[in-house]
């Protein structure tokens, strides 16, 4: 049986992907989730825990990883640090997951509440240097990007397509196997039926 592990984004929980995971289970796919708390755990600690979880899943057979936002960053960091004896995922899906520093994280880092709530993970998302140190994915990777964000002179993204939290340029890289753009807002990427349809189609090949 094919396995899927979902890793949620910052400030979210595994419940954010409940509709998608339920649809995957109806397709005969075994699903599981990985949870973390940025307010009490550093990026490195979360990554260490995720590496252990991925090793456990890899021992059970073929698997697929889905990461929303920061979850995708954590997945890339964890995969790059795995021992060569651990099999890589059959497919990696990144949902609105930044590969460059987030301009919103850079902006909000000036506020003490954001720094307290997001701690080290918020600092990482706001740092171009730290984000560039996260290795590229070396497995088949589909980046699904929302493009329903607001544009205009008052938008932090100006005329660039975005999902309300990250822009196209912040989630794009030449190492990605493919990129899919859908009219979905950032927070709703894991629960979007359009996105679960695309993932199911890819996994049925």
N, C-alpha and C. Protein backbone atom coordinates (compact mmCIF):
# COMPACT_ATOMS: atom_id res chain seq x y z
N UNK A 1 0.84 -1.20 0.00
CA UNK A 1 0.00 0.00 0.00
C UNK A 1 0.88 1.25 0.00
N UNK A 2 0.53 2.20 -0.87
CA UNK A 2 1.30 3.44 -0.94
C UNK A 2 1.06 4.28 0.31
N UNK A 3 2.11 4.96 0.77
CA UNK A 3 2.02 5.78 1.97
C UNK A 3 2.22 7.25 1.63
N UNK A 4 1.50 8.12 2.33
CA UNK A 4 1.67 9.57 2.19
C UNK A 4 1.86 10.16 3.58
N UNK A 5 2.90 10.97 3.73
CA UNK A 5 3.12 11.71 4.97
C UNK A 5 2.93 13.19 4.67
N UNK A 6 2.06 13.85 5.45
CA UNK A 6 1.81 15.27 5.28
C UNK A 6 2.46 16.06 6.42
N UNK A 7 3.14 17.15 6.05
CA UNK A 7 3.77 18.03 7.03
C UNK A 7 3.16 19.43 6.87
N UNK A 8 2.51 19.91 7.90
CA UNK A 8 1.77 21.17 7.81
C UNK A 8 2.69 22.39 7.83
N UNK A 9 2.08 23.56 7.62
CA UNK A 9 2.82 24.81 7.60
C UNK A 9 2.89 25.47 8.97
N UNK A 10 3.61 26.56 9.05
CA UNK A 10 3.80 27.28 10.31
C UNK A 10 2.48 27.85 10.80
N UNK A 11 2.20 27.62 12.08
CA UNK A 11 0.97 28.13 12.66
C UNK A 11 -0.25 27.30 12.34
N UNK A 12 -0.08 26.20 11.63
CA UNK A 12 -1.19 25.32 11.29
C UNK A 12 -1.05 24.01 12.06
N UNK A 13 -1.88 23.05 11.71
CA UNK A 13 -1.83 21.73 12.34
C UNK A 13 -2.14 20.68 11.29
N UNK A 14 -1.98 19.40 11.62
CA UNK A 14 -2.32 18.34 10.67
C UNK A 14 -3.77 18.41 10.19
N UNK A 15 -4.65 18.99 11.00
CA UNK A 15 -6.06 19.09 10.62
C UNK A 15 -6.27 19.95 9.37
N UNK A 16 -5.30 20.79 9.05
CA UNK A 16 -5.45 21.67 7.88
C UNK A 16 -5.58 20.87 6.59
N UNK A 17 -5.07 19.64 6.58
CA UNK A 17 -5.13 18.81 5.37
C UNK A 17 -6.14 17.68 5.49
N UNK A 18 -7.02 17.74 6.48
CA UNK A 18 -7.96 16.65 6.70
C UNK A 18 -8.78 16.29 5.45
N UNK A 19 -9.35 17.27 4.71
CA UNK A 19 -10.13 16.90 3.51
C UNK A 19 -9.28 16.16 2.47
N UNK A 20 -8.06 16.64 2.24
CA UNK A 20 -7.19 16.01 1.26
C UNK A 20 -6.81 14.60 1.68
N UNK A 21 -6.44 14.43 2.94
CA UNK A 21 -6.02 13.12 3.41
C UNK A 21 -7.17 12.12 3.40
N UNK A 22 -8.38 12.59 3.67
CA UNK A 22 -9.54 11.70 3.60
C UNK A 22 -9.75 11.21 2.17
N UNK A 23 -9.59 12.10 1.20
CA UNK A 23 -9.75 11.71 -0.20
C UNK A 23 -8.67 10.72 -0.62
N UNK A 24 -7.45 10.93 -0.12
CA UNK A 24 -6.37 9.99 -0.44
C UNK A 24 -6.65 8.62 0.13
N UNK A 25 -7.18 8.58 1.34
CA UNK A 25 -7.50 7.28 1.96
C UNK A 25 -8.58 6.55 1.17
N UNK A 26 -9.52 7.30 0.60
CA UNK A 26 -10.56 6.68 -0.21
C UNK A 26 -9.98 6.04 -1.47
N UNK A 27 -8.78 6.49 -1.85
CA UNK A 27 -8.10 5.92 -3.01
C UNK A 27 -7.23 4.73 -2.62
N UNK A 28 -7.32 4.30 -1.36
CA UNK A 28 -6.54 3.17 -0.90
C UNK A 28 -5.13 3.52 -0.47
N UNK A 29 -4.88 4.81 -0.21
CA UNK A 29 -3.55 5.27 0.19
C UNK A 29 -3.50 5.44 1.70
N UNK A 30 -2.48 4.91 2.31
CA UNK A 30 -2.30 5.07 3.75
C UNK A 30 -1.73 6.45 4.04
N UNK A 31 -2.37 7.21 4.93
CA UNK A 31 -1.91 8.57 5.21
C UNK A 31 -1.49 8.72 6.67
N UNK A 32 -0.55 9.61 6.89
CA UNK A 32 -0.13 9.96 8.24
C UNK A 32 0.34 11.41 8.23
N UNK A 33 0.51 11.98 9.41
CA UNK A 33 0.89 13.39 9.52
C UNK A 33 2.05 13.55 10.50
N UNK A 34 2.71 14.69 10.37
CA UNK A 34 3.80 15.04 11.27
C UNK A 34 3.49 16.42 11.84
N UNK A 35 3.56 16.54 13.16
CA UNK A 35 3.20 17.80 13.81
C UNK A 35 4.39 18.42 14.53
N UNK A 36 4.38 19.74 14.64
CA UNK A 36 5.45 20.46 15.33
C UNK A 36 4.92 21.80 15.81
N UNK A 37 5.71 22.46 16.68
CA UNK A 37 5.32 23.75 17.26
C UNK A 37 6.51 24.71 17.17
N UNK A 38 6.40 25.70 16.30
CA UNK A 38 7.53 26.61 16.10
C UNK A 38 7.79 27.49 17.31
N UNK A 39 6.79 27.69 18.16
CA UNK A 39 6.97 28.55 19.33
C UNK A 39 7.81 27.91 20.42
N UNK A 40 8.00 26.59 20.34
CA UNK A 40 8.75 25.91 21.38
C UNK A 40 9.86 25.00 20.85
N UNK A 41 10.00 24.91 19.52
CA UNK A 41 11.00 24.02 18.94
C UNK A 41 11.77 24.75 17.85
N UNK A 42 13.08 24.57 17.83
CA UNK A 42 13.91 25.18 16.78
C UNK A 42 13.73 24.42 15.47
N UNK A 43 14.14 25.05 14.38
CA UNK A 43 14.06 24.39 13.07
C UNK A 43 14.87 23.10 13.08
N UNK A 44 16.07 23.14 13.64
CA UNK A 44 16.94 21.95 13.65
C UNK A 44 16.32 20.81 14.44
N UNK A 45 15.68 21.11 15.55
CA UNK A 45 15.05 20.06 16.36
C UNK A 45 13.88 19.44 15.59
N UNK A 46 13.07 20.27 14.96
CA UNK A 46 11.93 19.75 14.19
C UNK A 46 12.45 18.90 13.04
N UNK A 47 13.49 19.38 12.36
CA UNK A 47 14.08 18.62 11.26
C UNK A 47 14.58 17.26 11.73
N UNK A 48 15.24 17.23 12.87
CA UNK A 48 15.75 15.97 13.44
C UNK A 48 14.61 14.98 13.67
N UNK A 49 13.50 15.47 14.24
CA UNK A 49 12.34 14.61 14.50
C UNK A 49 11.74 14.11 13.19
N UNK A 50 11.70 14.99 12.19
CA UNK A 50 11.13 14.61 10.90
C UNK A 50 12.00 13.56 10.20
N UNK A 51 13.30 13.70 10.30
CA UNK A 51 14.20 12.70 9.71
C UNK A 51 13.90 11.31 10.27
N UNK A 52 13.72 11.24 11.58
CA UNK A 52 13.40 9.96 12.23
C UNK A 52 12.09 9.40 11.69
N UNK A 53 11.09 10.26 11.53
CA UNK A 53 9.79 9.81 11.04
C UNK A 53 9.89 9.30 9.60
N UNK A 54 10.65 10.00 8.78
CA UNK A 54 10.80 9.58 7.38
C UNK A 54 11.52 8.24 7.30
N UNK A 55 12.53 8.04 8.13
CA UNK A 55 13.24 6.75 8.14
C UNK A 55 12.28 5.61 8.49
N UNK A 56 11.40 5.86 9.45
CA UNK A 56 10.42 4.84 9.86
C UNK A 56 9.49 4.49 8.70
N UNK A 57 9.02 5.51 7.99
CA UNK A 57 8.10 5.29 6.87
C UNK A 57 8.81 4.60 5.71
N UNK A 58 10.05 5.01 5.44
CA UNK A 58 10.80 4.43 4.33
C UNK A 58 11.01 2.94 4.51
N UNK A 59 11.15 2.50 5.75
CA UNK A 59 11.34 1.07 6.02
C UNK A 59 10.09 0.25 5.68
N UNK A 60 8.94 0.92 5.58
CA UNK A 60 7.69 0.22 5.32
C UNK A 60 7.36 0.11 3.83
N UNK A 61 8.18 0.74 2.97
CA UNK A 61 7.94 0.64 1.53
C UNK A 61 7.87 2.00 0.85
N UNK A 62 7.30 2.01 -0.35
CA UNK A 62 7.22 3.26 -1.12
C UNK A 62 6.41 4.31 -0.37
N UNK A 63 6.84 5.55 -0.51
CA UNK A 63 6.13 6.62 0.18
C UNK A 63 6.21 7.92 -0.60
N UNK A 64 5.29 8.83 -0.27
CA UNK A 64 5.18 10.15 -0.89
C UNK A 64 5.12 11.17 0.23
N UNK A 65 5.75 12.33 0.02
CA UNK A 65 5.73 13.40 1.02
C UNK A 65 5.00 14.62 0.47
N UNK A 66 4.20 15.25 1.33
CA UNK A 66 3.49 16.48 0.97
C UNK A 66 3.80 17.51 2.04
N UNK A 67 4.34 18.65 1.64
CA UNK A 67 4.67 19.69 2.60
C UNK A 67 4.01 21.01 2.25
N UNK A 68 3.30 21.57 3.21
CA UNK A 68 2.68 22.88 3.02
C UNK A 68 3.58 23.96 3.62
N UNK A 69 3.94 24.96 2.84
CA UNK A 69 4.68 26.12 3.31
C UNK A 69 5.96 25.71 4.03
N UNK A 70 6.11 26.06 5.31
CA UNK A 70 7.31 25.69 6.06
C UNK A 70 7.49 24.17 6.09
N UNK A 71 6.39 23.43 6.03
CA UNK A 71 6.48 21.97 6.02
C UNK A 71 7.32 21.46 4.87
N UNK A 72 7.23 22.12 3.72
CA UNK A 72 8.05 21.72 2.58
C UNK A 72 9.51 22.04 2.77
N UNK A 73 9.80 23.14 3.44
CA UNK A 73 11.18 23.51 3.75
C UNK A 73 11.78 22.46 4.69
N UNK A 74 11.02 22.07 5.70
CA UNK A 74 11.46 21.04 6.64
C UNK A 74 11.73 19.72 5.93
N UNK A 75 10.86 19.37 5.01
CA UNK A 75 11.03 18.11 4.27
C UNK A 75 12.32 18.13 3.46
N UNK A 76 12.57 19.22 2.75
CA UNK A 76 13.80 19.30 1.94
C UNK A 76 15.05 19.20 2.81
N UNK A 77 15.02 19.87 3.95
CA UNK A 77 16.17 19.82 4.85
C UNK A 77 16.37 18.41 5.41
N UNK A 78 15.28 17.75 5.76
CA UNK A 78 15.35 16.40 6.32
C UNK A 78 15.85 15.39 5.29
N UNK A 79 15.33 15.47 4.07
CA UNK A 79 15.73 14.52 3.03
C UNK A 79 17.23 14.64 2.72
N UNK A 80 17.71 15.87 2.71
CA UNK A 80 19.13 16.09 2.39
C UNK A 80 20.06 15.53 3.45
N UNK A 81 19.53 15.32 4.65
CA UNK A 81 20.37 14.86 5.76
C UNK A 81 20.21 13.36 6.04
N UNK A 82 19.41 12.68 5.23
CA UNK A 82 19.21 11.25 5.43
C UNK A 82 20.43 10.46 4.98
N UNK A 83 20.65 9.34 5.62
CA UNK A 83 21.70 8.42 5.22
C UNK A 83 21.38 7.85 3.83
N UNK A 84 22.40 7.56 3.04
CA UNK A 84 22.19 7.04 1.69
C UNK A 84 21.44 5.72 1.66
N UNK A 85 21.40 5.03 2.79
CA UNK A 85 20.71 3.74 2.85
C UNK A 85 19.19 3.91 2.92
N UNK A 86 18.72 5.11 3.20
CA UNK A 86 17.29 5.38 3.30
C UNK A 86 16.74 5.74 1.92
N UNK A 87 15.72 5.04 1.48
CA UNK A 87 15.15 5.30 0.16
C UNK A 87 14.45 6.66 0.13
N UNK A 88 14.57 7.33 -1.00
CA UNK A 88 13.94 8.63 -1.17
C UNK A 88 12.46 8.46 -1.50
N UNK A 89 11.65 9.49 -1.29
CA UNK A 89 10.23 9.38 -1.62
C UNK A 89 10.01 9.23 -3.12
N UNK A 90 8.95 8.56 -3.45
CA UNK A 90 8.57 8.40 -4.85
C UNK A 90 8.23 9.75 -5.48
N UNK A 91 7.67 10.62 -4.67
CA UNK A 91 7.25 11.95 -5.17
C UNK A 91 7.20 12.91 -3.98
N UNK A 92 7.56 14.16 -4.23
CA UNK A 92 7.44 15.22 -3.23
C UNK A 92 6.54 16.30 -3.78
N UNK A 93 5.51 16.64 -3.02
CA UNK A 93 4.60 17.73 -3.39
C UNK A 93 4.83 18.89 -2.44
N UNK A 94 5.15 20.05 -3.00
CA UNK A 94 5.34 21.26 -2.22
C UNK A 94 4.16 22.19 -2.46
N UNK A 95 3.44 22.53 -1.41
CA UNK A 95 2.26 23.38 -1.53
C UNK A 95 2.58 24.77 -0.99
N UNK A 96 2.80 25.72 -1.89
CA UNK A 96 3.12 27.08 -1.46
C UNK A 96 4.33 27.12 -0.55
N UNK A 97 5.33 26.33 -0.85
CA UNK A 97 6.50 26.20 0.02
C UNK A 97 7.66 27.06 -0.50
N UNK A 98 8.12 28.03 0.30
CA UNK A 98 9.17 28.93 -0.19
C UNK A 98 10.52 28.26 -0.34
N UNK A 99 11.25 28.70 -1.36
CA UNK A 99 12.63 28.28 -1.55
C UNK A 99 13.56 29.47 -1.37
N UNK A 100 12.97 30.66 -1.30
CA UNK A 100 13.71 31.89 -1.03
C UNK A 100 13.10 32.55 0.20
N UNK A 101 13.79 33.54 0.75
CA UNK A 101 13.27 34.24 1.92
C UNK A 101 11.90 34.83 1.62
N UNK A 102 11.02 34.77 2.62
CA UNK A 102 9.67 35.29 2.48
C UNK A 102 9.64 36.78 2.81
N UNK A 103 9.13 37.59 1.89
CA UNK A 103 9.09 39.03 2.15
C UNK A 103 8.15 39.37 3.30
N UNK A 104 7.11 38.56 3.50
CA UNK A 104 6.22 38.81 4.64
C UNK A 104 6.92 38.49 5.95
N UNK A 105 7.72 37.42 5.97
CA UNK A 105 8.47 37.09 7.18
C UNK A 105 9.48 38.18 7.48
N UNK A 106 10.13 38.70 6.45
CA UNK A 106 11.08 39.81 6.63
C UNK A 106 10.38 41.01 7.24
N UNK A 107 9.20 41.33 6.72
CA UNK A 107 8.44 42.48 7.23
C UNK A 107 8.00 42.28 8.68
N UNK A 108 7.43 41.12 8.98
CA UNK A 108 6.88 40.90 10.31
C UNK A 108 7.94 40.63 11.38
N UNK A 109 9.17 40.35 10.98
CA UNK A 109 10.22 40.13 11.98
C UNK A 109 10.49 41.37 12.83
N UNK A 110 10.06 42.52 12.37
CA UNK A 110 10.28 43.74 13.15
C UNK A 110 9.34 43.82 14.35
N UNK A 111 8.32 42.98 14.39
CA UNK A 111 7.34 43.01 15.47
C UNK A 111 7.61 41.90 16.48
N UNK A 112 7.64 42.28 17.75
CA UNK A 112 8.00 41.35 18.81
C UNK A 112 7.05 40.15 18.90
N UNK A 113 5.76 40.35 18.62
CA UNK A 113 4.81 39.24 18.72
C UNK A 113 5.14 38.15 17.70
N UNK A 114 5.47 38.56 16.47
CA UNK A 114 5.84 37.58 15.44
C UNK A 114 7.09 36.83 15.86
N UNK A 115 8.07 37.55 16.41
CA UNK A 115 9.32 36.90 16.83
C UNK A 115 9.07 35.90 17.96
N UNK A 116 8.19 36.23 18.89
CA UNK A 116 7.89 35.33 20.00
C UNK A 116 7.14 34.09 19.52
N UNK A 117 6.19 34.30 18.62
CA UNK A 117 5.36 33.19 18.17
C UNK A 117 6.08 32.25 17.22
N UNK A 118 6.98 32.80 16.41
CA UNK A 118 7.61 31.98 15.36
C UNK A 118 9.06 31.61 15.66
N UNK A 119 9.67 32.29 16.60
CA UNK A 119 11.02 31.98 17.06
C UNK A 119 11.99 31.68 15.90
N UNK A 120 12.71 30.57 16.00
CA UNK A 120 13.78 30.26 15.05
C UNK A 120 13.25 30.01 13.63
N UNK A 121 12.09 29.39 13.52
CA UNK A 121 11.54 29.10 12.19
C UNK A 121 11.15 30.39 11.46
N UNK A 122 10.62 31.36 12.20
CA UNK A 122 10.31 32.64 11.59
C UNK A 122 11.56 33.36 11.14
N UNK A 123 12.62 33.24 11.95
CA UNK A 123 13.90 33.85 11.59
C UNK A 123 14.47 33.21 10.34
N UNK A 124 14.33 31.89 10.21
CA UNK A 124 14.82 31.19 9.03
C UNK A 124 14.10 31.67 7.77
N UNK A 125 12.78 31.77 7.84
CA UNK A 125 12.01 32.19 6.67
C UNK A 125 12.34 33.62 6.24
N UNK A 126 12.84 34.42 7.17
CA UNK A 126 13.17 35.81 6.86
C UNK A 126 14.64 35.99 6.44
N UNK A 127 15.40 34.90 6.46
CA UNK A 127 16.83 34.98 6.17
C UNK A 127 17.16 34.40 4.80
N UNK A 128 17.65 35.23 3.90
CA UNK A 128 18.05 34.75 2.58
C UNK A 128 19.19 33.75 2.69
N UNK A 129 20.13 34.02 3.60
CA UNK A 129 21.28 33.13 3.76
C UNK A 129 20.85 31.75 4.24
N UNK A 130 20.00 31.68 5.26
CA UNK A 130 19.58 30.39 5.79
C UNK A 130 18.70 29.64 4.80
N UNK A 131 17.83 30.34 4.09
CA UNK A 131 16.96 29.68 3.11
C UNK A 131 17.78 29.10 1.96
N UNK A 132 18.84 29.80 1.56
CA UNK A 132 19.67 29.31 0.47
C UNK A 132 20.47 28.08 0.87
N UNK A 133 20.62 27.86 2.17
CA UNK A 133 21.36 26.69 2.65
C UNK A 133 20.51 25.43 2.68
N UNK A 134 19.19 25.58 2.51
CA UNK A 134 18.32 24.40 2.45
C UNK A 134 18.51 23.76 1.07
N UNK A 135 18.97 22.53 1.00
CA UNK A 135 19.27 21.90 -0.30
C UNK A 135 18.04 21.73 -1.19
N UNK A 136 18.31 21.67 -2.48
CA UNK A 136 17.26 21.39 -3.45
C UNK A 136 16.79 19.95 -3.29
N UNK A 137 15.57 19.69 -3.71
CA UNK A 137 15.05 18.33 -3.71
C UNK A 137 15.74 17.52 -4.80
N UNK A 138 16.07 16.29 -4.50
CA UNK A 138 16.72 15.43 -5.50
C UNK A 138 15.79 14.31 -5.96
N UNK A 139 14.51 14.42 -5.59
CA UNK A 139 13.52 13.44 -6.08
C UNK A 139 12.50 14.18 -6.94
N UNK A 140 11.62 13.44 -7.59
CA UNK A 140 10.59 14.05 -8.42
C UNK A 140 9.76 15.01 -7.56
N UNK A 141 9.71 16.26 -7.98
CA UNK A 141 9.07 17.30 -7.15
C UNK A 141 8.06 18.10 -7.95
N UNK A 142 6.84 18.15 -7.42
CA UNK A 142 5.79 18.99 -8.01
C UNK A 142 5.50 20.13 -7.04
N UNK A 143 5.66 21.34 -7.54
CA UNK A 143 5.35 22.52 -6.74
C UNK A 143 3.97 23.04 -7.16
N UNK A 144 3.06 23.08 -6.19
CA UNK A 144 1.71 23.58 -6.46
C UNK A 144 1.58 24.95 -5.80
N UNK A 145 1.28 25.94 -6.62
CA UNK A 145 1.32 27.33 -6.18
C UNK A 145 -0.05 27.98 -6.30
N UNK A 146 -0.47 28.67 -5.26
CA UNK A 146 -1.70 29.42 -5.31
C UNK A 146 -1.48 30.78 -5.96
N UNK A 147 -2.45 31.24 -6.74
CA UNK A 147 -2.30 32.53 -7.42
C UNK A 147 -3.56 33.38 -7.24
N UNK A 148 -4.20 33.24 -6.08
CA UNK A 148 -5.44 33.98 -5.84
C UNK A 148 -5.23 35.20 -4.93
N UNK A 149 -3.97 35.53 -4.66
CA UNK A 149 -3.68 36.68 -3.82
C UNK A 149 -3.97 37.99 -4.52
N UNK A 150 -4.03 39.05 -3.74
CA UNK A 150 -4.34 40.38 -4.26
C UNK A 150 -3.09 41.06 -4.80
N UNK A 151 -3.24 41.72 -5.93
CA UNK A 151 -2.15 42.51 -6.53
C UNK A 151 -2.50 43.99 -6.45
N UNK A 152 -1.52 44.81 -6.81
CA UNK A 152 -1.77 46.25 -6.84
C UNK A 152 -0.77 47.02 -6.01
N UNK A 153 -0.91 48.32 -6.01
CA UNK A 153 0.05 49.20 -5.34
C UNK A 153 0.09 48.99 -3.83
N UNK A 154 -1.02 48.53 -3.24
CA UNK A 154 -1.08 48.33 -1.79
C UNK A 154 -0.71 46.91 -1.38
N UNK A 155 -0.48 46.06 -2.37
CA UNK A 155 -0.09 44.68 -2.07
C UNK A 155 1.42 44.60 -1.88
N UNK A 156 1.90 43.83 -0.91
CA UNK A 156 3.35 43.67 -0.75
C UNK A 156 3.99 42.97 -1.94
N UNK A 157 3.15 42.34 -2.77
CA UNK A 157 3.65 41.61 -3.93
C UNK A 157 3.53 42.41 -5.22
N UNK A 158 2.93 43.62 -5.13
CA UNK A 158 2.74 44.50 -6.29
C UNK A 158 2.00 43.74 -7.40
N UNK A 159 2.63 43.59 -8.58
CA UNK A 159 1.95 42.93 -9.70
C UNK A 159 2.32 41.46 -9.84
N UNK A 160 3.08 40.92 -8.89
CA UNK A 160 3.51 39.53 -8.99
C UNK A 160 2.42 38.58 -8.49
N UNK A 161 2.21 37.49 -9.20
CA UNK A 161 1.23 36.50 -8.77
C UNK A 161 1.62 35.96 -7.40
N UNK A 162 0.61 35.73 -6.56
CA UNK A 162 0.87 35.29 -5.20
C UNK A 162 -0.36 34.60 -4.63
N UNK A 163 -0.20 33.99 -3.45
CA UNK A 163 -1.33 33.31 -2.80
C UNK A 163 -1.76 34.03 -1.51
N UNK A 164 -1.25 35.25 -1.35
CA UNK A 164 -1.57 36.02 -0.16
C UNK A 164 -0.49 35.95 0.90
N UNK A 165 0.40 34.96 0.77
CA UNK A 165 1.49 34.80 1.74
C UNK A 165 2.85 34.72 1.05
N UNK A 166 2.92 33.99 -0.05
CA UNK A 166 4.17 33.90 -0.81
C UNK A 166 3.88 34.19 -2.28
N UNK A 167 4.89 34.70 -2.96
CA UNK A 167 4.77 35.02 -4.39
C UNK A 167 5.37 33.91 -5.24
N UNK A 168 5.14 34.00 -6.54
CA UNK A 168 5.68 33.01 -7.47
C UNK A 168 7.20 32.91 -7.35
N UNK A 169 7.87 34.05 -7.30
CA UNK A 169 9.34 34.03 -7.25
C UNK A 169 9.87 33.41 -5.96
N UNK A 170 9.09 33.47 -4.89
CA UNK A 170 9.54 32.94 -3.60
C UNK A 170 9.40 31.42 -3.52
N UNK A 171 8.63 30.84 -4.42
CA UNK A 171 8.40 29.39 -4.38
C UNK A 171 8.88 28.67 -5.64
N UNK A 172 9.65 29.36 -6.47
CA UNK A 172 10.08 28.78 -7.74
C UNK A 172 11.58 28.49 -7.75
N UNK A 173 11.94 27.37 -8.39
CA UNK A 173 13.35 26.99 -8.53
C UNK A 173 13.49 26.10 -9.75
N UNK A 174 14.66 26.15 -10.39
CA UNK A 174 14.85 25.37 -11.63
C UNK A 174 14.99 23.88 -11.38
N UNK A 175 15.19 23.47 -10.12
CA UNK A 175 15.32 22.04 -9.84
C UNK A 175 13.97 21.33 -9.70
N UNK A 176 12.89 22.08 -9.67
CA UNK A 176 11.57 21.46 -9.55
C UNK A 176 11.19 20.75 -10.84
N UNK A 177 10.59 19.58 -10.71
CA UNK A 177 10.20 18.81 -11.88
C UNK A 177 9.08 19.51 -12.65
N UNK A 178 8.13 20.05 -11.92
CA UNK A 178 7.04 20.78 -12.55
C UNK A 178 6.42 21.76 -11.55
N UNK A 179 5.73 22.74 -12.11
CA UNK A 179 5.05 23.73 -11.29
C UNK A 179 3.61 23.87 -11.78
N UNK A 180 2.68 23.82 -10.83
CA UNK A 180 1.26 23.93 -11.16
C UNK A 180 0.69 25.15 -10.43
N UNK A 181 0.02 26.03 -11.16
CA UNK A 181 -0.59 27.21 -10.57
C UNK A 181 -2.11 27.05 -10.53
N UNK A 182 -2.68 27.29 -9.34
CA UNK A 182 -4.12 27.15 -9.17
C UNK A 182 -4.67 28.35 -8.38
N UNK A 183 -5.92 28.74 -8.64
CA UNK A 183 -6.51 29.90 -7.95
C UNK A 183 -6.94 29.57 -6.53
N UNK A 184 -5.97 29.44 -5.65
CA UNK A 184 -6.22 29.06 -4.26
C UNK A 184 -5.38 29.97 -3.36
N UNK A 185 -5.94 30.36 -2.21
CA UNK A 185 -5.19 31.14 -1.22
C UNK A 185 -4.28 30.22 -0.41
N UNK A 186 -3.24 30.78 0.14
CA UNK A 186 -2.20 30.02 0.83
C UNK A 186 -2.74 29.08 1.91
N UNK A 187 -3.57 29.60 2.79
CA UNK A 187 -4.06 28.81 3.92
C UNK A 187 -4.91 27.62 3.50
N UNK A 188 -5.52 27.73 2.31
CA UNK A 188 -6.43 26.69 1.85
C UNK A 188 -5.79 25.69 0.90
N UNK A 189 -4.50 25.82 0.66
CA UNK A 189 -3.83 24.88 -0.25
C UNK A 189 -3.96 23.42 0.20
N UNK A 190 -3.76 23.10 1.48
CA UNK A 190 -3.84 21.69 1.88
C UNK A 190 -5.25 21.11 1.84
N UNK A 191 -6.27 21.97 1.90
CA UNK A 191 -7.65 21.47 1.94
C UNK A 191 -8.36 21.61 0.60
N UNK A 192 -7.69 22.18 -0.41
CA UNK A 192 -8.31 22.42 -1.71
C UNK A 192 -8.59 21.12 -2.47
N UNK A 193 -9.80 20.98 -2.94
CA UNK A 193 -10.15 19.80 -3.75
C UNK A 193 -9.39 19.81 -5.08
N UNK A 194 -9.17 21.01 -5.64
CA UNK A 194 -8.41 21.09 -6.89
C UNK A 194 -7.01 20.49 -6.71
N UNK A 195 -6.42 20.77 -5.57
CA UNK A 195 -5.06 20.29 -5.32
C UNK A 195 -5.05 18.80 -5.03
N UNK A 196 -5.99 18.33 -4.23
CA UNK A 196 -6.03 16.89 -3.97
C UNK A 196 -6.31 16.11 -5.25
N UNK A 197 -7.10 16.68 -6.16
CA UNK A 197 -7.34 16.04 -7.46
C UNK A 197 -6.03 15.88 -8.23
N UNK A 198 -5.23 16.95 -8.24
CA UNK A 198 -3.95 16.90 -8.96
C UNK A 198 -3.02 15.87 -8.34
N UNK A 199 -2.98 15.82 -7.03
CA UNK A 199 -2.10 14.87 -6.36
C UNK A 199 -2.55 13.43 -6.63
N UNK A 200 -3.84 13.19 -6.56
CA UNK A 200 -4.37 11.85 -6.83
C UNK A 200 -4.07 11.44 -8.26
N UNK A 201 -4.20 12.37 -9.20
CA UNK A 201 -3.88 12.07 -10.60
C UNK A 201 -2.42 11.66 -10.75
N UNK A 202 -1.53 12.40 -10.09
CA UNK A 202 -0.09 12.08 -10.17
C UNK A 202 0.21 10.72 -9.56
N UNK A 203 -0.44 10.41 -8.45
CA UNK A 203 -0.15 9.15 -7.76
C UNK A 203 -0.76 7.95 -8.45
N UNK A 204 -1.69 8.18 -9.35
CA UNK A 204 -2.34 7.07 -10.04
C UNK A 204 -1.58 6.62 -11.28
N UNK A 205 -0.54 7.35 -11.67
CA UNK A 205 0.23 6.97 -12.85
C UNK A 205 0.96 5.65 -12.62
